[in-house]
Amino acid sequence: MSRIVVVNDPKAIEADGWALLSRMIADFPGLNMQLVLLLDRIHRQWRKRWIA
């Protein structure tokens, strides 16, 4: 069974929260977590990476 984590307001999560979330996803593959981010705008730097 897969777990989906939906973040609808990424700006509300502080740096330590992102660090914890990224460690959970990377270090515990048995959790089988997937992350969905809902963004209203994409920063120009991210847009270049994601939309090529």
N, C-alpha and C. Protein backbone atom coordinates (compact mmCIF):
# COMPACT_ATOMS: atom_id res chain seq x y z
N MET A 1 0.85 -1.17 0.00
CA MET A 1 0.00 0.00 0.00
C MET A 1 0.89 1.24 0.00
N SER A 2 0.55 2.20 -0.83
CA SER A 2 1.31 3.44 -0.95
C SER A 2 0.63 4.54 -0.14
N ARG A 3 1.45 5.43 0.40
CA ARG A 3 0.93 6.58 1.13
C ARG A 3 1.21 7.83 0.31
N ILE A 4 0.21 8.64 0.13
CA ILE A 4 0.38 9.88 -0.62
C ILE A 4 0.24 11.05 0.35
N VAL A 5 1.25 11.90 0.37
CA VAL A 5 1.25 13.10 1.21
C VAL A 5 0.98 14.28 0.30
N VAL A 6 -0.10 15.00 0.55
CA VAL A 6 -0.46 16.16 -0.26
C VAL A 6 -0.17 17.42 0.54
N VAL A 7 0.61 18.31 -0.05
CA VAL A 7 0.93 19.60 0.58
C VAL A 7 0.27 20.68 -0.27
N ASN A 8 -0.76 21.30 0.27
CA ASN A 8 -1.49 22.31 -0.50
C ASN A 8 -0.97 23.73 -0.29
N ASP A 9 -0.11 23.94 0.69
CA ASP A 9 0.48 25.26 0.91
C ASP A 9 1.94 25.08 1.31
N PRO A 10 2.82 24.85 0.34
CA PRO A 10 4.23 24.59 0.65
C PRO A 10 4.91 25.72 1.42
N LYS A 11 4.42 26.96 1.26
CA LYS A 11 5.04 28.09 1.96
C LYS A 11 4.81 28.02 3.47
N ALA A 12 3.82 27.27 3.88
CA ALA A 12 3.50 27.17 5.31
C ALA A 12 4.42 26.21 6.05
N ILE A 13 5.18 25.40 5.31
CA ILE A 13 6.08 24.45 5.95
C ILE A 13 7.46 25.08 6.08
N GLU A 14 7.99 25.05 7.28
CA GLU A 14 9.30 25.65 7.53
C GLU A 14 10.41 24.70 7.09
N ALA A 15 11.63 25.19 7.08
CA ALA A 15 12.78 24.43 6.59
C ALA A 15 12.96 23.11 7.34
N ASP A 16 12.78 23.12 8.66
CA ASP A 16 12.97 21.86 9.40
C ASP A 16 11.88 20.85 9.06
N GLY A 17 10.69 21.31 8.72
CA GLY A 17 9.62 20.41 8.29
C GLY A 17 9.94 19.77 6.95
N TRP A 18 10.50 20.56 6.01
CA TRP A 18 10.90 20.00 4.72
C TRP A 18 12.04 19.00 4.91
N ALA A 19 12.97 19.31 5.81
CA ALA A 19 14.08 18.38 6.06
C ALA A 19 13.56 17.05 6.61
N LEU A 20 12.64 17.11 7.54
CA LEU A 20 12.07 15.89 8.10
C LEU A 20 11.31 15.10 7.03
N LEU A 21 10.50 15.78 6.25
CA LEU A 21 9.73 15.11 5.21
C LEU A 21 10.64 14.45 4.17
N SER A 22 11.68 15.15 3.76
CA SER A 22 12.60 14.58 2.77
C SER A 22 13.36 13.39 3.33
N ARG A 23 13.73 13.44 4.62
CA ARG A 23 14.40 12.28 5.24
C ARG A 23 13.47 11.09 5.33
N MET A 24 12.20 11.34 5.66
CA MET A 24 11.23 10.24 5.75
C MET A 24 11.08 9.55 4.39
N ILE A 25 11.00 10.34 3.33
CA ILE A 25 10.81 9.77 2.00
C ILE A 25 12.07 9.04 1.54
N ALA A 26 13.25 9.63 1.76
CA ALA A 26 14.50 9.06 1.27
C ALA A 26 15.01 7.90 2.13
N ASP A 27 14.92 8.02 3.44
CA ASP A 27 15.57 7.06 4.33
C ASP A 27 14.70 5.88 4.73
N PHE A 28 13.40 5.96 4.48
CA PHE A 28 12.50 4.87 4.85
C PHE A 28 11.70 4.41 3.64
N PRO A 29 12.33 3.68 2.71
CA PRO A 29 11.62 3.25 1.51
C PRO A 29 10.44 2.32 1.83
N GLY A 30 10.47 1.68 2.98
CA GLY A 30 9.37 0.81 3.37
C GLY A 30 8.07 1.55 3.63
N LEU A 31 8.16 2.86 3.88
CA LEU A 31 6.95 3.66 4.07
C LEU A 31 6.19 3.83 2.76
N ASN A 32 6.92 3.71 1.65
CA ASN A 32 6.32 3.82 0.32
C ASN A 32 5.50 5.11 0.20
N MET A 33 6.15 6.24 0.50
CA MET A 33 5.48 7.55 0.48
C MET A 33 5.70 8.25 -0.85
N GLN A 34 4.69 8.93 -1.31
CA GLN A 34 4.78 9.78 -2.49
C GLN A 34 4.31 11.17 -2.10
N LEU A 35 4.94 12.17 -2.68
CA LEU A 35 4.65 13.56 -2.32
C LEU A 35 3.99 14.28 -3.48
N VAL A 36 2.90 14.99 -3.19
CA VAL A 36 2.21 15.82 -4.18
C VAL A 36 2.22 17.25 -3.65
N LEU A 37 2.80 18.14 -4.42
CA LEU A 37 2.82 19.57 -4.06
C LEU A 37 1.84 20.32 -4.95
N LEU A 38 1.00 21.11 -4.34
CA LEU A 38 0.07 21.95 -5.09
C LEU A 38 0.62 23.38 -5.06
N LEU A 39 1.04 23.87 -6.22
CA LEU A 39 1.67 25.18 -6.32
C LEU A 39 0.78 26.12 -7.12
N ASP A 40 0.68 27.35 -6.65
CA ASP A 40 -0.08 28.33 -7.42
C ASP A 40 0.80 29.05 -8.43
N ARG A 41 2.09 29.15 -8.13
CA ARG A 41 3.06 29.76 -9.04
C ARG A 41 4.36 28.99 -8.95
N ILE A 42 5.08 28.95 -10.04
CA ILE A 42 6.39 28.29 -10.06
C ILE A 42 7.46 29.36 -10.22
N HIS A 43 8.43 29.34 -9.33
CA HIS A 43 9.56 30.28 -9.39
C HIS A 43 10.30 30.07 -10.72
N ARG A 44 10.84 31.14 -11.29
CA ARG A 44 11.52 31.04 -12.58
C ARG A 44 12.63 30.01 -12.59
N GLN A 45 13.39 29.93 -11.49
CA GLN A 45 14.50 28.98 -11.42
C GLN A 45 13.97 27.55 -11.46
N TRP A 46 12.87 27.26 -10.78
CA TRP A 46 12.28 25.91 -10.79
C TRP A 46 11.68 25.61 -12.14
N ARG A 47 11.08 26.62 -12.76
CA ARG A 47 10.44 26.42 -14.06
C ARG A 47 11.46 25.93 -15.09
N LYS A 48 12.68 26.49 -15.03
CA LYS A 48 13.72 26.07 -15.97
C LYS A 48 14.09 24.60 -15.74
N ARG A 49 14.08 24.15 -14.52
CA ARG A 49 14.44 22.75 -14.21
C ARG A 49 13.32 21.80 -14.60
N TRP A 50 12.07 22.16 -14.29
CA TRP A 50 10.96 21.23 -14.45
C TRP A 50 10.37 21.25 -15.84
N ILE A 51 10.32 22.41 -16.47
CA ILE A 51 9.70 22.53 -17.78
C ILE A 51 10.80 22.83 -18.78
N ALA A 52 11.26 21.80 -19.42
CA ALA A 52 12.36 21.97 -20.39
C ALA A 52 11.91 21.59 -21.78
